């Protein structure tokens, strides 16, 4: 009887699970994806994650402006205490939380030589100007 109770307890404790995934897509597809400065291949990509909160999403593709977004991924109601205990530990099936984010990349703007020189002069002036308190 003790062995049966022990096995039942072990199965009960091993049963709960939450799978968290983020799918990132872009237009155009094939942009290099960085999530919190870690490379994850090209879009579309699906990534497993552990913690909810804000993540830094960076997308790069040649011919397009780099896109950086601070993306909030809020926890669903069943991940708030004390519900999280029951879902993570006691729930007899796997709960899947999949989030989908889509980003539009803007075509890169061409900069003329004169504009580039003008920007460099402005930066030089700002760097040489002493800060005011």
N, C-alpha and C. Protein backbone atom coordinates (compact mmCIF):
# COMPACT_ATOMS: atom_id res chain seq x y z
N UNK A 1 0.83 -1.20 0.00
CA UNK A 1 0.00 0.00 0.00
C UNK A 1 0.87 1.26 0.00
N UNK A 2 1.96 1.25 0.76
CA UNK A 2 2.86 2.40 0.83
C UNK A 2 3.51 2.64 -0.53
N UNK A 3 3.85 1.57 -1.24
CA UNK A 3 4.47 1.71 -2.56
C UNK A 3 3.48 2.32 -3.54
N UNK A 4 2.22 1.92 -3.45
CA UNK A 4 1.18 2.47 -4.33
C UNK A 4 1.01 3.96 -4.07
N UNK A 5 0.95 4.35 -2.80
CA UNK A 5 0.80 5.77 -2.45
C UNK A 5 2.00 6.57 -2.92
N UNK A 6 3.19 6.00 -2.79
CA UNK A 6 4.40 6.68 -3.23
C UNK A 6 4.41 6.86 -4.74
N UNK A 7 4.01 5.84 -5.48
CA UNK A 7 3.94 5.95 -6.95
C UNK A 7 2.88 6.96 -7.38
N UNK A 8 1.72 6.94 -6.72
CA UNK A 8 0.65 7.89 -7.05
C UNK A 8 1.12 9.32 -6.79
N UNK A 9 1.82 9.54 -5.69
CA UNK A 9 2.34 10.86 -5.37
C UNK A 9 3.37 11.31 -6.41
N UNK A 10 4.25 10.39 -6.81
CA UNK A 10 5.27 10.71 -7.81
C UNK A 10 4.63 11.08 -9.15
N UNK A 11 3.61 10.34 -9.56
CA UNK A 11 2.91 10.66 -10.81
C UNK A 11 2.19 12.00 -10.72
N UNK A 12 1.60 12.26 -9.59
CA UNK A 12 0.90 13.52 -9.39
C UNK A 12 1.86 14.70 -9.46
N UNK A 13 3.02 14.56 -8.84
CA UNK A 13 3.99 15.66 -8.84
C UNK A 13 4.65 15.84 -10.19
N UNK A 14 4.74 14.79 -10.98
CA UNK A 14 5.39 14.88 -12.28
C UNK A 14 4.43 15.27 -13.39
N UNK A 15 3.17 15.40 -13.08
CA UNK A 15 2.18 15.58 -14.14
C UNK A 15 2.05 17.02 -14.63
N UNK A 16 2.14 18.00 -13.76
CA UNK A 16 1.91 19.39 -14.15
C UNK A 16 3.04 19.95 -14.98
N UNK A 17 2.68 20.78 -15.95
CA UNK A 17 3.72 21.37 -16.78
C UNK A 17 3.11 22.53 -17.58
N UNK A 18 3.89 23.58 -17.77
CA UNK A 18 3.50 24.69 -18.63
C UNK A 18 4.60 24.85 -19.68
N UNK A 19 4.22 24.79 -20.95
CA UNK A 19 5.16 25.04 -22.04
C UNK A 19 4.93 26.47 -22.53
N UNK A 20 5.99 27.28 -22.47
CA UNK A 20 5.89 28.68 -22.90
C UNK A 20 6.71 28.85 -24.18
N UNK A 21 6.07 29.45 -25.18
CA UNK A 21 6.76 29.67 -26.45
C UNK A 21 6.40 31.05 -27.01
N UNK A 22 7.38 31.65 -27.67
CA UNK A 22 7.17 32.90 -28.39
C UNK A 22 7.48 32.63 -29.85
N UNK A 23 6.57 33.02 -30.72
CA UNK A 23 6.82 32.95 -32.16
C UNK A 23 6.97 34.37 -32.67
N UNK A 24 8.11 34.64 -33.31
CA UNK A 24 8.40 35.97 -33.85
C UNK A 24 8.45 35.86 -35.36
N UNK A 25 7.68 36.73 -36.02
CA UNK A 25 7.65 36.76 -37.48
C UNK A 25 7.86 38.20 -37.92
N UNK A 26 8.22 38.37 -39.17
CA UNK A 26 8.45 39.72 -39.68
C UNK A 26 8.06 39.79 -41.15
N UNK A 27 7.81 41.02 -41.59
CA UNK A 27 7.62 41.28 -43.01
C UNK A 27 8.72 42.25 -43.40
N UNK A 28 9.62 41.88 -44.26
CA UNK A 28 9.76 40.61 -44.95
C UNK A 28 10.33 39.53 -44.02
N UNK A 29 10.08 38.30 -44.39
CA UNK A 29 10.61 37.19 -43.60
C UNK A 29 12.11 37.05 -43.84
N UNK A 30 12.75 36.29 -42.95
CA UNK A 30 14.18 36.04 -43.11
C UNK A 30 15.06 37.03 -42.38
N UNK A 31 14.48 37.85 -41.51
CA UNK A 31 15.29 38.79 -40.73
C UNK A 31 15.99 38.02 -39.61
N UNK A 32 17.22 38.42 -39.30
CA UNK A 32 17.93 37.80 -38.17
C UNK A 32 17.27 38.25 -36.88
N UNK A 33 17.01 37.28 -36.01
CA UNK A 33 16.29 37.53 -34.77
C UNK A 33 17.23 37.42 -33.58
N UNK A 34 17.19 38.43 -32.72
CA UNK A 34 17.92 38.43 -31.46
C UNK A 34 16.91 38.70 -30.35
N UNK A 35 16.88 37.84 -29.36
CA UNK A 35 15.99 38.01 -28.22
C UNK A 35 16.87 38.18 -26.99
N UNK A 36 16.79 39.33 -26.36
CA UNK A 36 17.67 39.69 -25.24
C UNK A 36 19.13 39.50 -25.63
N UNK A 37 19.45 39.96 -26.84
CA UNK A 37 20.81 39.94 -27.41
C UNK A 37 21.36 38.55 -27.68
N UNK A 38 20.51 37.54 -27.69
CA UNK A 38 20.94 36.18 -28.08
C UNK A 38 20.39 35.88 -29.47
N UNK A 39 21.23 35.36 -30.38
CA UNK A 39 20.74 35.07 -31.72
C UNK A 39 19.85 33.82 -31.73
N UNK A 40 18.76 33.89 -32.49
CA UNK A 40 17.82 32.77 -32.60
C UNK A 40 17.47 32.45 -34.04
N UNK A 41 18.37 32.69 -34.97
CA UNK A 41 18.11 32.35 -36.36
C UNK A 41 17.33 33.44 -37.07
N UNK A 42 16.55 33.02 -38.07
CA UNK A 42 15.80 33.96 -38.90
C UNK A 42 14.30 33.81 -38.66
N UNK A 43 13.59 34.87 -38.96
CA UNK A 43 12.14 34.84 -38.79
C UNK A 43 11.50 34.06 -39.93
N UNK A 44 10.44 33.34 -39.68
CA UNK A 44 9.77 33.13 -38.40
C UNK A 44 10.53 32.13 -37.53
N UNK A 45 10.54 32.37 -36.23
CA UNK A 45 11.20 31.49 -35.26
C UNK A 45 10.30 31.31 -34.05
N UNK A 46 10.33 30.10 -33.51
CA UNK A 46 9.61 29.81 -32.28
C UNK A 46 10.63 29.48 -31.21
N UNK A 47 10.52 30.16 -30.07
CA UNK A 47 11.51 30.06 -29.00
C UNK A 47 10.80 29.71 -27.70
N UNK A 48 11.37 28.76 -26.96
CA UNK A 48 10.86 28.46 -25.63
C UNK A 48 11.39 29.50 -24.65
N UNK A 49 10.56 29.86 -23.67
CA UNK A 49 11.01 30.79 -22.64
C UNK A 49 10.52 30.33 -21.28
N UNK A 50 11.14 30.86 -20.23
CA UNK A 50 10.83 30.44 -18.87
C UNK A 50 10.09 31.53 -18.11
N UNK A 51 10.53 32.79 -18.26
CA UNK A 51 10.01 33.86 -17.44
C UNK A 51 9.19 34.85 -18.27
N UNK A 52 8.11 35.31 -17.69
CA UNK A 52 7.31 36.36 -18.29
C UNK A 52 7.96 37.70 -17.97
N UNK A 53 7.58 38.73 -18.72
CA UNK A 53 8.13 40.05 -18.48
C UNK A 53 8.43 40.74 -19.80
N UNK A 54 9.41 41.63 -19.79
CA UNK A 54 9.76 42.39 -20.97
C UNK A 54 11.05 41.84 -21.56
N UNK A 55 11.02 41.61 -22.87
CA UNK A 55 12.19 41.12 -23.60
C UNK A 55 12.56 42.11 -24.69
N UNK A 56 13.85 42.17 -24.99
CA UNK A 56 14.34 43.05 -26.05
C UNK A 56 14.41 42.24 -27.34
N UNK A 57 13.59 42.61 -28.31
CA UNK A 57 13.56 41.94 -29.61
C UNK A 57 14.29 42.82 -30.61
N UNK A 58 15.27 42.24 -31.30
CA UNK A 58 16.00 42.98 -32.34
C UNK A 58 15.93 42.19 -33.64
N UNK A 59 15.55 42.87 -34.71
CA UNK A 59 15.47 42.25 -36.03
C UNK A 59 16.38 43.01 -36.99
N UNK A 60 17.16 42.26 -37.77
CA UNK A 60 18.08 42.87 -38.72
C UNK A 60 17.97 42.15 -40.05
N UNK A 61 17.90 42.92 -41.13
CA UNK A 61 17.90 42.36 -42.47
C UNK A 61 18.54 43.39 -43.39
N UNK A 62 19.40 42.90 -44.26
CA UNK A 62 20.09 43.80 -45.17
C UNK A 62 19.07 44.51 -46.07
N UNK A 63 19.25 45.81 -46.21
CA UNK A 63 18.33 46.60 -47.02
C UNK A 63 17.17 47.17 -46.23
N UNK A 64 17.12 46.87 -44.90
CA UNK A 64 16.04 47.33 -44.05
C UNK A 64 16.61 47.94 -42.78
N UNK A 65 15.84 48.86 -42.20
CA UNK A 65 16.24 49.48 -40.94
C UNK A 65 16.20 48.43 -39.83
N UNK A 66 17.17 48.49 -38.93
CA UNK A 66 17.16 47.62 -37.75
C UNK A 66 15.96 47.99 -36.88
N UNK A 67 15.28 46.97 -36.37
CA UNK A 67 14.11 47.22 -35.52
C UNK A 67 14.41 46.66 -34.13
N UNK A 68 14.25 47.52 -33.12
CA UNK A 68 14.43 47.11 -31.72
C UNK A 68 13.15 47.44 -30.98
N UNK A 69 12.59 46.43 -30.32
CA UNK A 69 11.32 46.58 -29.61
C UNK A 69 11.47 45.98 -28.22
N UNK A 70 11.00 46.72 -27.21
CA UNK A 70 10.91 46.15 -25.87
C UNK A 70 9.51 45.54 -25.77
N UNK A 71 9.46 44.21 -25.92
CA UNK A 71 8.18 43.51 -26.00
C UNK A 71 7.77 42.96 -24.65
N UNK A 72 6.59 43.37 -24.20
CA UNK A 72 6.06 42.88 -22.93
C UNK A 72 5.33 41.56 -23.17
N UNK A 73 5.62 40.57 -22.34
CA UNK A 73 4.94 39.28 -22.37
C UNK A 73 4.33 39.07 -20.98
N UNK A 74 3.09 39.52 -20.79
CA UNK A 74 2.49 39.41 -19.46
C UNK A 74 2.10 37.97 -19.12
N UNK A 75 2.16 37.66 -17.85
CA UNK A 75 1.77 36.33 -17.39
C UNK A 75 0.25 36.19 -17.45
N UNK A 76 -0.25 35.03 -17.90
CA UNK A 76 -1.69 34.80 -17.88
C UNK A 76 -2.18 34.57 -16.45
N UNK A 77 -3.47 34.64 -16.26
CA UNK A 77 -4.05 34.53 -14.91
C UNK A 77 -3.65 33.25 -14.20
N UNK A 78 -3.48 32.16 -14.94
CA UNK A 78 -3.16 30.89 -14.28
C UNK A 78 -1.69 30.80 -13.87
N UNK A 79 -0.90 31.82 -14.12
CA UNK A 79 0.48 31.86 -13.67
C UNK A 79 0.67 32.83 -12.50
N UNK A 80 -0.41 33.36 -11.97
CA UNK A 80 -0.36 34.21 -10.78
C UNK A 80 -0.49 33.35 -9.54
N UNK A 81 0.23 33.70 -8.47
CA UNK A 81 0.08 32.95 -7.21
C UNK A 81 -1.34 33.11 -6.69
N UNK A 82 -1.94 32.12 -6.12
CA UNK A 82 -1.49 30.75 -5.88
C UNK A 82 -1.86 29.79 -7.01
N UNK A 83 -2.53 30.29 -8.08
CA UNK A 83 -2.93 29.40 -9.17
C UNK A 83 -1.74 28.73 -9.84
N UNK A 84 -0.60 29.42 -9.89
CA UNK A 84 0.57 28.85 -10.56
C UNK A 84 1.01 27.54 -9.93
N UNK A 85 0.85 27.40 -8.63
CA UNK A 85 1.22 26.16 -7.95
C UNK A 85 0.40 24.99 -8.51
N UNK A 86 -0.90 25.19 -8.63
CA UNK A 86 -1.76 24.11 -9.11
C UNK A 86 -1.50 23.77 -10.57
N UNK A 87 -1.27 24.79 -11.40
CA UNK A 87 -1.03 24.54 -12.82
C UNK A 87 0.34 23.91 -13.04
N UNK A 88 1.36 24.40 -12.33
CA UNK A 88 2.72 23.88 -12.52
C UNK A 88 2.91 22.50 -11.89
N UNK A 89 2.26 22.23 -10.77
CA UNK A 89 2.53 21.01 -10.01
C UNK A 89 1.41 19.99 -10.10
N UNK A 90 0.18 20.40 -9.92
CA UNK A 90 -0.91 19.44 -9.75
C UNK A 90 -1.76 19.20 -10.99
N UNK A 91 -1.65 20.05 -11.98
CA UNK A 91 -2.47 19.90 -13.18
C UNK A 91 -2.10 18.60 -13.91
N UNK A 92 -3.06 17.75 -14.28
CA UNK A 92 -2.75 16.45 -14.88
C UNK A 92 -2.41 16.52 -16.37
N UNK A 93 -2.37 17.70 -16.96
CA UNK A 93 -2.04 17.79 -18.38
C UNK A 93 -1.11 18.98 -18.61
N UNK A 94 -0.58 19.06 -19.82
CA UNK A 94 0.35 20.14 -20.17
C UNK A 94 -0.44 21.36 -20.66
N UNK A 95 -0.11 22.51 -20.12
CA UNK A 95 -0.72 23.78 -20.55
C UNK A 95 0.28 24.45 -21.48
N UNK A 96 -0.18 24.83 -22.67
CA UNK A 96 0.70 25.47 -23.65
C UNK A 96 0.33 26.95 -23.77
N UNK A 97 1.32 27.80 -23.57
CA UNK A 97 1.13 29.24 -23.69
C UNK A 97 2.01 29.70 -24.84
N UNK A 98 1.40 29.98 -26.00
CA UNK A 98 2.14 30.40 -27.19
C UNK A 98 1.75 31.83 -27.52
N UNK A 99 2.75 32.68 -27.64
CA UNK A 99 2.53 34.08 -28.00
C UNK A 99 3.08 34.31 -29.41
N UNK A 100 2.41 35.15 -30.18
CA UNK A 100 2.81 35.44 -31.55
C UNK A 100 3.02 36.94 -31.69
N UNK A 101 4.19 37.31 -32.20
CA UNK A 101 4.50 38.72 -32.42
C UNK A 101 4.96 38.90 -33.87
N UNK A 102 4.40 39.90 -34.52
CA UNK A 102 4.75 40.18 -35.91
C UNK A 102 5.23 41.63 -36.01
N UNK A 103 6.33 41.83 -36.72
CA UNK A 103 6.91 43.16 -36.87
C UNK A 103 7.11 43.48 -38.34
N UNK A 104 6.86 44.74 -38.68
CA UNK A 104 7.09 45.24 -40.04
C UNK A 104 8.44 45.94 -40.07
N UNK A 105 9.30 45.54 -41.01
CA UNK A 105 10.59 46.21 -41.17
C UNK A 105 10.46 47.28 -42.24
N UNK A 106 11.08 48.41 -41.97
CA UNK A 106 11.05 49.54 -42.91
C UNK A 106 12.26 49.46 -43.82
N UNK A 107 12.07 49.77 -45.11
CA UNK A 107 13.24 49.78 -46.02
C UNK A 107 14.26 50.80 -45.54
N UNK A 108 15.53 50.48 -45.74
CA UNK A 108 16.61 51.37 -45.32
C UNK A 108 16.57 52.65 -46.15
N UNK A 109 16.83 53.75 -45.49
CA UNK A 109 16.86 55.04 -46.17
C UNK A 109 18.27 55.26 -46.69
N UNK A 110 18.37 55.67 -47.94
CA UNK A 110 19.69 55.96 -48.48
C UNK A 110 20.11 57.35 -48.03
N UNK A 111 21.37 57.47 -47.65
CA UNK A 111 21.91 58.72 -47.14
C UNK A 111 22.96 59.22 -48.13
N UNK A 112 22.81 60.48 -48.52
CA UNK A 112 23.79 61.03 -49.45
C UNK A 112 25.08 61.37 -48.69
N UNK A 113 26.14 61.53 -49.44
CA UNK A 113 27.44 61.85 -48.85
C UNK A 113 27.38 63.18 -48.10
N UNK A 114 26.66 64.14 -48.65
CA UNK A 114 26.55 65.45 -48.03
C UNK A 114 25.81 65.36 -46.68
N UNK A 115 24.74 64.56 -46.62
CA UNK A 115 24.00 64.38 -45.37
C UNK A 115 24.87 63.71 -44.31
N UNK A 116 25.66 62.75 -44.73
CA UNK A 116 26.55 62.06 -43.81
C UNK A 116 27.60 63.01 -43.25
N UNK A 117 28.17 63.85 -44.08
CA UNK A 117 29.17 64.81 -43.63
C UNK A 117 28.53 65.82 -42.68
N UNK A 118 27.31 66.26 -42.97
CA UNK A 118 26.61 67.21 -42.10
C UNK A 118 26.34 66.59 -40.73
N UNK A 119 25.93 65.35 -40.70
CA UNK A 119 25.70 64.66 -39.41
C UNK A 119 27.00 64.54 -38.62
N UNK A 120 28.09 64.24 -39.32
CA UNK A 120 29.39 64.12 -38.64
C UNK A 120 29.80 65.46 -38.03
N UNK A 121 29.57 66.55 -38.74
CA UNK A 121 29.91 67.88 -38.21
C UNK A 121 29.08 68.18 -36.96
N UNK A 122 27.79 67.87 -37.00
CA UNK A 122 26.92 68.10 -35.83
C UNK A 122 27.38 67.28 -34.63
N UNK A 123 27.74 66.04 -34.86
CA UNK A 123 28.22 65.20 -33.75
C UNK A 123 29.53 65.73 -33.19
N UNK A 124 30.42 66.17 -34.06
CA UNK A 124 31.70 66.72 -33.60
C UNK A 124 31.47 67.95 -32.75
N UNK A 125 30.56 68.84 -33.18
CA UNK A 125 30.26 70.05 -32.41
C UNK A 125 29.68 69.71 -31.03
N UNK A 126 28.77 68.72 -31.01
CA UNK A 126 28.20 68.32 -29.72
C UNK A 126 29.25 67.69 -28.80
N UNK A 127 30.18 66.95 -29.39
CA UNK A 127 31.22 66.31 -28.58
C UNK A 127 32.20 67.33 -28.02
N UNK A 128 32.46 68.39 -28.74
CA UNK A 128 33.42 69.41 -28.29
C UNK A 128 32.79 70.46 -27.39
N UNK A 129 31.47 70.53 -27.37
CA UNK A 129 30.79 71.49 -26.51
C UNK A 129 30.74 70.97 -25.08
N UNK A 130 31.25 71.78 -24.11
CA UNK A 130 31.23 71.30 -22.71
C UNK A 130 29.79 71.19 -22.21
N UNK A 131 29.52 70.20 -21.36
CA UNK A 131 28.15 70.02 -20.84
C UNK A 131 27.79 71.17 -19.90
N UNK A 132 26.51 71.54 -19.93
CA UNK A 132 26.02 72.57 -19.02
C UNK A 132 25.24 71.92 -17.89
N UNK A 133 25.43 72.44 -16.70
CA UNK A 133 24.74 71.86 -15.54
C UNK A 133 23.43 72.47 -15.28
